[in-house]
């Protein structure tokens, strides 16, 4: 599996995942830039994602839902703050209600994704920053670290194919 570390820093209120891939930066970037490819890995394997909107421009919206094993839908959204193809993407990430609107009071994180050349392949650093310790603890209790690791672990097969 490509995930090499997951760091939970409660002092800095960040969850940082590092993953290394044998593929070049541009190929890893396409797994973010192409919504059909993104659907194949965003979310844990038992919760596949469907992206309804995918506007990777500053101020752009990304909306999606993950379908659980019992058919239940869990909606989410991103608001893109900056983009630097093929090296970086920054966005705000949150939960949405059944109409796709941000859920009031639900945890929101600020995500910074960076792709760099590393040992002939690509290193991806994905850092989620939270507004409060309570939000971070809530996300950790919901399985965010494990779910993110499982999701990122699906990228290897897509890059190999």
N, C-alpha and C. Protein backbone atom coordinates (compact mmCIF):
# COMPACT_ATOMS: atom_id res chain seq x y z
N UNK A 1 0.84 -1.18 0.00
CA UNK A 1 0.00 0.00 0.00
C UNK A 1 0.89 1.24 0.00
N UNK A 2 0.44 2.26 -0.63
CA UNK A 2 1.21 3.48 -0.84
C UNK A 2 1.27 4.41 0.37
N UNK A 3 0.36 4.28 1.31
CA UNK A 3 0.36 5.17 2.48
C UNK A 3 1.56 4.82 3.35
N UNK A 4 2.43 5.82 3.56
CA UNK A 4 3.63 5.57 4.35
C UNK A 4 3.51 6.11 5.77
N UNK A 5 2.63 7.10 5.99
CA UNK A 5 2.44 7.60 7.36
C UNK A 5 1.13 8.36 7.47
N UNK A 6 0.60 8.32 8.69
CA UNK A 6 -0.57 9.12 9.05
C UNK A 6 -0.25 9.73 10.41
N UNK A 7 -0.25 11.07 10.46
CA UNK A 7 0.12 11.77 11.68
C UNK A 7 -1.06 12.58 12.18
N UNK A 8 -1.45 12.32 13.42
CA UNK A 8 -2.51 13.10 14.08
C UNK A 8 -1.84 14.04 15.06
N UNK A 9 -1.84 15.34 14.74
CA UNK A 9 -1.20 16.33 15.59
C UNK A 9 -2.28 17.18 16.26
N UNK A 10 -2.61 16.82 17.50
CA UNK A 10 -3.68 17.51 18.22
C UNK A 10 -3.25 18.91 18.68
N UNK A 11 -1.95 19.18 18.75
CA UNK A 11 -1.49 20.53 19.09
C UNK A 11 -1.69 21.48 17.92
N UNK A 12 -1.38 21.00 16.71
CA UNK A 12 -1.54 21.83 15.51
C UNK A 12 -2.91 21.66 14.85
N UNK A 13 -3.72 20.72 15.38
CA UNK A 13 -5.06 20.42 14.85
C UNK A 13 -5.00 19.97 13.39
N UNK A 14 -4.05 19.07 13.09
CA UNK A 14 -3.90 18.57 11.72
C UNK A 14 -3.85 17.05 11.68
N UNK A 15 -4.35 16.53 10.58
CA UNK A 15 -4.24 15.12 10.23
C UNK A 15 -3.49 15.11 8.90
N UNK A 16 -2.30 14.51 8.88
CA UNK A 16 -1.46 14.53 7.68
C UNK A 16 -1.18 13.11 7.24
N UNK A 17 -1.47 12.84 5.98
CA UNK A 17 -1.21 11.55 5.38
C UNK A 17 -0.14 11.73 4.30
N UNK A 18 0.84 10.85 4.31
CA UNK A 18 1.89 10.82 3.28
C UNK A 18 1.75 9.51 2.53
N UNK A 19 1.75 9.60 1.20
CA UNK A 19 1.69 8.40 0.36
C UNK A 19 2.72 8.53 -0.74
N UNK A 20 3.37 7.43 -1.07
CA UNK A 20 4.37 7.41 -2.14
C UNK A 20 3.89 6.47 -3.25
N UNK A 21 4.02 6.95 -4.48
CA UNK A 21 3.59 6.19 -5.65
C UNK A 21 4.75 6.06 -6.62
N UNK A 22 4.76 5.00 -7.41
CA UNK A 22 5.81 4.82 -8.42
C UNK A 22 5.50 5.61 -9.68
N UNK A 23 4.29 6.09 -9.83
CA UNK A 23 3.87 6.84 -11.01
C UNK A 23 4.38 8.28 -10.97
N UNK A 24 4.50 8.91 -12.15
CA UNK A 24 4.90 10.32 -12.18
C UNK A 24 3.82 11.25 -11.65
N UNK A 25 4.23 12.46 -11.27
CA UNK A 25 3.34 13.46 -10.69
C UNK A 25 2.09 13.67 -11.55
N UNK A 26 2.25 13.81 -12.85
CA UNK A 26 1.12 14.08 -13.74
C UNK A 26 0.06 13.00 -13.71
N UNK A 27 0.48 11.75 -13.57
CA UNK A 27 -0.49 10.65 -13.51
C UNK A 27 -1.26 10.65 -12.19
N UNK A 28 -0.56 10.94 -11.10
CA UNK A 28 -1.24 11.02 -9.80
C UNK A 28 -2.20 12.20 -9.81
N UNK A 29 -1.78 13.32 -10.39
CA UNK A 29 -2.65 14.50 -10.48
C UNK A 29 -3.96 14.16 -11.19
N UNK A 30 -3.91 13.36 -12.24
CA UNK A 30 -5.12 13.03 -13.00
C UNK A 30 -6.15 12.30 -12.14
N UNK A 31 -5.70 11.62 -11.08
CA UNK A 31 -6.65 10.94 -10.19
C UNK A 31 -7.46 11.95 -9.39
N UNK A 32 -6.99 13.18 -9.28
CA UNK A 32 -7.72 14.27 -8.65
C UNK A 32 -8.50 15.08 -9.69
N UNK A 33 -7.87 15.31 -10.85
CA UNK A 33 -8.41 16.23 -11.85
C UNK A 33 -9.57 15.65 -12.65
N UNK A 34 -9.61 14.34 -12.82
CA UNK A 34 -10.66 13.69 -13.61
C UNK A 34 -11.71 13.14 -12.65
N UNK A 35 -12.93 13.68 -12.67
CA UNK A 35 -13.94 13.23 -11.69
C UNK A 35 -14.26 11.74 -11.81
N UNK A 36 -14.18 11.16 -12.99
CA UNK A 36 -14.47 9.73 -13.13
C UNK A 36 -13.37 8.89 -12.48
N UNK A 37 -12.14 9.36 -12.53
CA UNK A 37 -11.05 8.66 -11.84
C UNK A 37 -11.15 8.90 -10.33
N UNK A 38 -11.49 10.11 -9.94
CA UNK A 38 -11.64 10.45 -8.54
C UNK A 38 -12.70 9.56 -7.88
N UNK A 39 -13.75 9.29 -8.61
CA UNK A 39 -14.82 8.42 -8.08
C UNK A 39 -14.33 7.03 -7.75
N UNK A 40 -13.29 6.61 -8.41
CA UNK A 40 -12.81 5.24 -8.23
C UNK A 40 -11.95 5.05 -6.99
N UNK A 41 -11.60 6.17 -6.32
CA UNK A 41 -10.81 6.01 -5.10
C UNK A 41 -11.28 6.89 -3.93
N UNK A 42 -12.02 7.97 -4.17
CA UNK A 42 -12.42 8.84 -3.07
C UNK A 42 -13.44 8.11 -2.22
N UNK A 43 -13.14 7.93 -0.98
CA UNK A 43 -14.00 7.18 -0.06
C UNK A 43 -13.47 5.78 0.12
N UNK A 44 -13.75 5.18 1.25
CA UNK A 44 -13.32 3.80 1.50
C UNK A 44 -13.93 2.85 0.47
N UNK A 45 -13.32 1.68 0.27
CA UNK A 45 -13.81 0.74 -0.75
C UNK A 45 -15.29 0.38 -0.63
N UNK A 46 -15.83 0.34 0.57
CA UNK A 46 -17.24 -0.04 0.73
C UNK A 46 -18.19 1.16 0.63
N UNK A 47 -17.64 2.35 0.36
CA UNK A 47 -18.43 3.57 0.22
C UNK A 47 -18.02 4.31 -1.06
N UNK A 48 -18.30 3.76 -2.23
CA UNK A 48 -17.88 4.41 -3.47
C UNK A 48 -18.53 5.78 -3.65
N UNK A 49 -17.79 6.68 -4.28
CA UNK A 49 -18.23 8.06 -4.47
C UNK A 49 -18.79 8.28 -5.87
N UNK A 50 -19.72 9.21 -5.95
CA UNK A 50 -20.23 9.72 -7.22
C UNK A 50 -20.12 11.24 -7.15
N UNK A 51 -19.38 11.81 -8.11
CA UNK A 51 -19.20 13.26 -8.13
C UNK A 51 -20.23 13.89 -9.05
N UNK A 52 -20.99 14.83 -8.48
CA UNK A 52 -22.05 15.51 -9.23
C UNK A 52 -21.54 16.81 -9.85
N UNK A 53 -20.64 17.50 -9.16
CA UNK A 53 -20.01 18.71 -9.67
C UNK A 53 -18.52 18.60 -9.37
N UNK A 54 -17.69 19.13 -10.27
CA UNK A 54 -16.24 18.99 -10.11
C UNK A 54 -15.56 20.18 -10.78
N UNK A 55 -15.61 21.32 -10.13
CA UNK A 55 -15.06 22.56 -10.66
C UNK A 55 -13.77 22.90 -9.91
N UNK A 56 -12.65 22.45 -10.47
CA UNK A 56 -11.36 22.69 -9.82
C UNK A 56 -10.77 24.02 -10.27
N UNK A 57 -11.48 25.09 -9.94
CA UNK A 57 -10.98 26.45 -10.14
C UNK A 57 -11.15 27.17 -8.81
N UNK A 58 -10.33 28.19 -8.53
CA UNK A 58 -10.51 28.92 -7.27
C UNK A 58 -11.95 29.42 -7.13
N UNK A 59 -12.56 29.07 -6.01
CA UNK A 59 -13.96 29.40 -5.76
C UNK A 59 -14.92 28.35 -6.28
N UNK A 60 -14.39 27.36 -7.00
CA UNK A 60 -15.23 26.31 -7.58
C UNK A 60 -15.76 25.34 -6.54
N UNK A 61 -16.88 24.73 -6.88
CA UNK A 61 -17.51 23.75 -6.00
C UNK A 61 -17.34 22.33 -6.53
N UNK A 62 -17.13 21.44 -5.60
CA UNK A 62 -17.10 20.01 -5.88
C UNK A 62 -18.14 19.40 -4.95
N UNK A 63 -19.08 18.65 -5.51
CA UNK A 63 -20.09 17.99 -4.69
C UNK A 63 -20.13 16.52 -5.05
N UNK A 64 -20.40 15.71 -4.04
CA UNK A 64 -20.38 14.25 -4.24
C UNK A 64 -21.24 13.58 -3.18
N UNK A 65 -21.49 12.31 -3.43
CA UNK A 65 -22.06 11.48 -2.38
C UNK A 65 -21.38 10.13 -2.41
N UNK A 66 -21.28 9.52 -1.24
CA UNK A 66 -20.76 8.16 -1.11
C UNK A 66 -21.94 7.26 -0.79
N UNK A 67 -21.98 6.12 -1.43
CA UNK A 67 -23.06 5.17 -1.21
C UNK A 67 -22.57 4.04 -0.33
N UNK A 68 -23.22 3.87 0.81
CA UNK A 68 -22.81 2.84 1.77
C UNK A 68 -23.30 1.46 1.37
N UNK A 69 -22.86 0.45 2.10
CA UNK A 69 -23.21 -0.94 1.79
C UNK A 69 -24.71 -1.22 1.79
N UNK A 70 -25.49 -0.44 2.56
CA UNK A 70 -26.93 -0.64 2.62
C UNK A 70 -27.68 0.29 1.68
N UNK A 71 -26.92 1.02 0.82
CA UNK A 71 -27.55 1.92 -0.13
C UNK A 71 -27.74 3.34 0.37
N UNK A 72 -27.35 3.61 1.62
CA UNK A 72 -27.49 4.95 2.18
C UNK A 72 -26.49 5.90 1.52
N UNK A 73 -26.89 7.17 1.36
CA UNK A 73 -26.03 8.16 0.73
C UNK A 73 -25.53 9.16 1.76
N UNK A 74 -24.22 9.40 1.71
CA UNK A 74 -23.56 10.36 2.58
C UNK A 74 -22.97 11.43 1.67
N UNK A 75 -23.45 12.66 1.81
CA UNK A 75 -23.04 13.74 0.90
C UNK A 75 -21.91 14.57 1.49
N UNK A 76 -21.10 15.11 0.57
CA UNK A 76 -20.01 15.98 0.96
C UNK A 76 -19.79 17.05 -0.08
N UNK A 77 -18.96 18.04 0.29
CA UNK A 77 -18.66 19.14 -0.62
C UNK A 77 -17.25 19.63 -0.39
N UNK A 78 -16.68 20.23 -1.42
CA UNK A 78 -15.42 20.95 -1.33
C UNK A 78 -15.66 22.35 -1.89
N UNK A 79 -14.96 23.31 -1.37
CA UNK A 79 -14.88 24.64 -1.98
C UNK A 79 -13.40 24.86 -2.28
N UNK A 80 -13.06 24.93 -3.54
CA UNK A 80 -11.66 25.05 -3.97
C UNK A 80 -11.16 26.46 -3.65
N UNK A 81 -10.01 26.52 -2.97
CA UNK A 81 -9.42 27.82 -2.64
C UNK A 81 -8.23 28.15 -3.53
N UNK A 82 -7.46 27.13 -3.94
CA UNK A 82 -6.38 27.36 -4.90
C UNK A 82 -6.03 26.05 -5.59
N UNK A 83 -5.44 26.21 -6.77
CA UNK A 83 -5.06 25.04 -7.56
C UNK A 83 -3.77 25.36 -8.30
N UNK A 84 -2.86 24.39 -8.35
CA UNK A 84 -1.57 24.53 -9.02
C UNK A 84 -1.27 23.22 -9.75
N UNK A 85 -1.97 22.97 -10.88
CA UNK A 85 -1.77 21.71 -11.60
C UNK A 85 -0.34 21.58 -12.10
N UNK A 86 0.29 20.44 -12.02
CA UNK A 86 -0.18 19.21 -11.41
C UNK A 86 0.36 19.00 -9.99
N UNK A 87 0.63 20.06 -9.28
CA UNK A 87 1.32 19.91 -8.00
C UNK A 87 0.49 20.16 -6.75
N UNK A 88 -0.62 20.87 -6.84
CA UNK A 88 -1.31 21.18 -5.60
C UNK A 88 -2.75 21.57 -5.76
N UNK A 89 -3.48 21.33 -4.70
CA UNK A 89 -4.89 21.66 -4.62
C UNK A 89 -5.21 21.97 -3.17
N UNK A 90 -5.88 23.09 -2.93
CA UNK A 90 -6.32 23.46 -1.59
C UNK A 90 -7.83 23.62 -1.63
N UNK A 91 -8.51 23.08 -0.61
CA UNK A 91 -9.96 23.20 -0.58
C UNK A 91 -10.48 23.06 0.84
N UNK A 92 -11.68 23.56 1.06
CA UNK A 92 -12.40 23.35 2.29
C UNK A 92 -13.30 22.14 2.06
N UNK A 93 -13.37 21.26 3.04
CA UNK A 93 -14.07 19.98 2.91
C UNK A 93 -15.11 19.87 4.02
N UNK A 94 -16.34 19.52 3.65
CA UNK A 94 -17.37 19.40 4.67
C UNK A 94 -18.46 18.41 4.30
N UNK A 95 -19.34 18.20 5.24
CA UNK A 95 -20.49 17.32 5.05
C UNK A 95 -21.66 18.11 4.49
N UNK A 96 -22.53 17.43 3.77
CA UNK A 96 -23.71 18.08 3.20
C UNK A 96 -24.97 17.32 3.60
N UNK A 97 -26.09 18.05 3.56
CA UNK A 97 -27.37 17.41 3.81
C UNK A 97 -27.85 16.70 2.54
N UNK A 98 -29.03 16.13 2.59
CA UNK A 98 -29.54 15.36 1.44
C UNK A 98 -29.79 16.22 0.21
N UNK A 99 -29.86 17.54 0.39
CA UNK A 99 -30.01 18.45 -0.75
C UNK A 99 -28.67 18.95 -1.27
N UNK A 100 -27.56 18.49 -0.64
CA UNK A 100 -26.24 18.90 -1.06
C UNK A 100 -25.75 20.19 -0.45
N UNK A 101 -26.49 20.75 0.48
CA UNK A 101 -26.10 21.99 1.16
C UNK A 101 -25.23 21.67 2.37
N UNK A 102 -24.22 22.52 2.66
CA UNK A 102 -23.37 22.26 3.83
C UNK A 102 -24.21 22.07 5.10
N UNK A 103 -23.85 21.05 5.87
CA UNK A 103 -24.54 20.73 7.11
C UNK A 103 -24.06 21.66 8.22
N UNK A 104 -24.97 22.44 8.77
CA UNK A 104 -24.64 23.36 9.85
C UNK A 104 -24.15 22.58 11.07
N UNK A 105 -23.06 23.05 11.65
CA UNK A 105 -22.53 22.45 12.86
C UNK A 105 -21.66 21.22 12.65
N UNK A 106 -21.59 20.71 11.42
CA UNK A 106 -20.76 19.54 11.15
C UNK A 106 -19.30 19.97 10.99
N UNK A 107 -18.36 19.09 11.30
CA UNK A 107 -16.95 19.44 11.17
C UNK A 107 -16.61 19.83 9.72
N UNK A 108 -15.75 20.83 9.61
CA UNK A 108 -15.22 21.28 8.33
C UNK A 108 -13.71 21.30 8.47
N UNK A 109 -13.00 20.91 7.41
CA UNK A 109 -11.54 20.97 7.45
C UNK A 109 -11.02 21.73 6.24
N UNK A 110 -9.83 22.26 6.41
CA UNK A 110 -9.12 22.92 5.32
C UNK A 110 -8.06 21.94 4.86
N UNK A 111 -8.12 21.56 3.58
CA UNK A 111 -7.26 20.50 3.05
C UNK A 111 -6.22 21.11 2.11
N UNK A 112 -5.00 20.64 2.28
CA UNK A 112 -3.88 21.03 1.41
C UNK A 112 -3.28 19.75 0.85
N UNK A 113 -3.35 19.58 -0.48
CA UNK A 113 -2.78 18.42 -1.15
C UNK A 113 -1.61 18.88 -2.00
N UNK A 114 -0.46 18.22 -1.83
CA UNK A 114 0.72 18.54 -2.62
C UNK A 114 1.31 17.26 -3.21
N UNK A 115 1.72 17.36 -4.47
CA UNK A 115 2.39 16.27 -5.17
C UNK A 115 3.80 16.74 -5.53
N UNK A 116 4.80 15.95 -5.14
CA UNK A 116 6.18 16.28 -5.47
C UNK A 116 6.89 15.03 -6.01
N UNK A 117 7.90 15.25 -6.84
CA UNK A 117 8.72 14.14 -7.30
C UNK A 117 9.48 13.58 -6.12
N UNK A 118 9.53 12.25 -6.05
CA UNK A 118 10.19 11.61 -4.91
C UNK A 118 10.68 10.23 -5.32
N UNK A 119 11.99 10.04 -5.30
CA UNK A 119 12.61 8.74 -5.58
C UNK A 119 12.09 8.11 -6.87
N UNK A 120 12.01 8.90 -7.92
CA UNK A 120 11.58 8.40 -9.22
C UNK A 120 10.08 8.27 -9.38
N UNK A 121 9.33 8.65 -8.38
CA UNK A 121 7.87 8.58 -8.44
C UNK A 121 7.28 9.86 -7.88
N UNK A 122 6.22 9.71 -7.11
CA UNK A 122 5.50 10.85 -6.57
C UNK A 122 5.22 10.67 -5.10
N UNK A 123 5.43 11.73 -4.33
CA UNK A 123 4.99 11.76 -2.94
C UNK A 123 3.78 12.67 -2.86
N UNK A 124 2.73 12.19 -2.22
CA UNK A 124 1.54 13.00 -1.99
C UNK A 124 1.45 13.28 -0.49
N UNK A 125 1.31 14.57 -0.17
CA UNK A 125 1.05 14.97 1.21
C UNK A 125 -0.34 15.57 1.24
N UNK A 126 -1.18 14.99 2.08
CA UNK A 126 -2.55 15.44 2.23
C UNK A 126 -2.74 15.84 3.69
N UNK A 127 -2.91 17.15 3.91
CA UNK A 127 -3.03 17.66 5.28
C UNK A 127 -4.39 18.30 5.47
N UNK A 128 -5.12 17.82 6.47
CA UNK A 128 -6.41 18.40 6.86
C UNK A 128 -6.22 19.15 8.16
N UNK A 129 -6.62 20.42 8.16
CA UNK A 129 -6.52 21.25 9.37
C UNK A 129 -7.93 21.54 9.86
N UNK A 130 -8.09 21.49 11.18
CA UNK A 130 -9.40 21.67 11.81
C UNK A 130 -9.43 22.96 12.61
N UNK A 131 -10.63 23.48 12.81
CA UNK A 131 -10.81 24.73 13.56
C UNK A 131 -10.71 24.55 15.06
N UNK A 132 -10.98 23.33 15.53
CA UNK A 132 -10.95 23.10 16.97
C UNK A 132 -10.55 21.66 17.27
N UNK A 133 -10.09 21.46 18.48
CA UNK A 133 -9.74 20.11 18.91
C UNK A 133 -10.99 19.21 18.90
N UNK A 134 -12.13 19.78 19.26
CA UNK A 134 -13.38 19.01 19.28
C UNK A 134 -13.73 18.50 17.88
N UNK A 135 -13.57 19.37 16.86
CA UNK A 135 -13.84 18.94 15.49
C UNK A 135 -12.89 17.83 15.06
N UNK A 136 -11.62 18.01 15.39
CA UNK A 136 -10.65 17.00 15.00
C UNK A 136 -10.94 15.67 15.70
N UNK A 137 -11.22 15.73 17.00
CA UNK A 137 -11.53 14.50 17.74
C UNK A 137 -12.77 13.82 17.17
N UNK A 138 -13.78 14.62 16.80
CA UNK A 138 -14.99 14.05 16.22
C UNK A 138 -14.68 13.32 14.92
N UNK A 139 -13.86 13.92 14.07
CA UNK A 139 -13.51 13.28 12.81
C UNK A 139 -12.68 12.01 13.02
N UNK A 140 -11.76 12.05 13.97
CA UNK A 140 -10.95 10.87 14.27
C UNK A 140 -11.85 9.75 14.80
N UNK A 141 -12.79 10.09 15.68
CA UNK A 141 -13.72 9.09 16.22
C UNK A 141 -14.60 8.50 15.12
N UNK A 142 -14.91 9.29 14.09
CA UNK A 142 -15.73 8.81 12.98
C UNK A 142 -14.92 7.92 12.03
N UNK A 143 -13.61 7.78 12.27
CA UNK A 143 -12.78 6.91 11.44
C UNK A 143 -12.13 7.61 10.26
N UNK A 144 -11.94 8.92 10.35
CA UNK A 144 -11.38 9.67 9.23
C UNK A 144 -10.00 9.17 8.82
N UNK A 145 -9.14 8.87 9.77
CA UNK A 145 -7.77 8.44 9.44
C UNK A 145 -7.80 7.09 8.72
N UNK A 146 -8.58 6.16 9.24
CA UNK A 146 -8.65 4.84 8.62
C UNK A 146 -9.34 4.90 7.26
N UNK A 147 -10.40 5.69 7.18
CA UNK A 147 -11.12 5.82 5.91
C UNK A 147 -10.27 6.46 4.84
N UNK A 148 -9.52 7.49 5.22
CA UNK A 148 -8.63 8.16 4.27
C UNK A 148 -7.53 7.21 3.80
N UNK A 149 -6.95 6.47 4.72
CA UNK A 149 -5.91 5.50 4.35
C UNK A 149 -6.46 4.44 3.39
N UNK A 150 -7.65 3.95 3.67
CA UNK A 150 -8.26 2.95 2.79
C UNK A 150 -8.55 3.54 1.40
N UNK A 151 -9.03 4.78 1.38
CA UNK A 151 -9.32 5.44 0.10
C UNK A 151 -8.04 5.62 -0.71
N UNK A 152 -7.02 6.18 -0.11
CA UNK A 152 -5.75 6.43 -0.81
C UNK A 152 -5.14 5.11 -1.27
N UNK A 153 -5.34 4.06 -0.49
CA UNK A 153 -4.81 2.75 -0.86
C UNK A 153 -5.36 2.23 -2.18
N UNK A 154 -6.49 2.75 -2.62
CA UNK A 154 -7.07 2.33 -3.90
C UNK A 154 -6.39 2.98 -5.10
N UNK A 155 -5.60 4.00 -4.87
CA UNK A 155 -4.95 4.73 -5.96
C UNK A 155 -3.91 3.89 -6.70
N UNK A 156 -3.22 3.00 -5.97
CA UNK A 156 -2.19 2.17 -6.59
C UNK A 156 -2.72 1.37 -7.78
N UNK A 157 -3.85 0.71 -7.60
CA UNK A 157 -4.41 -0.10 -8.67
C UNK A 157 -4.79 0.74 -9.87
N UNK A 158 -5.30 1.95 -9.64
CA UNK A 158 -5.68 2.84 -10.74
C UNK A 158 -4.44 3.30 -11.50
N UNK A 159 -3.37 3.57 -10.78
CA UNK A 159 -2.14 4.01 -11.43
C UNK A 159 -1.48 2.86 -12.19
N UNK A 160 -1.66 1.63 -11.71
CA UNK A 160 -1.06 0.46 -12.38
C UNK A 160 -1.83 0.11 -13.65
N UNK A 161 -3.14 0.42 -13.67
CA UNK A 161 -3.97 0.05 -14.82
C UNK A 161 -3.93 1.12 -15.84
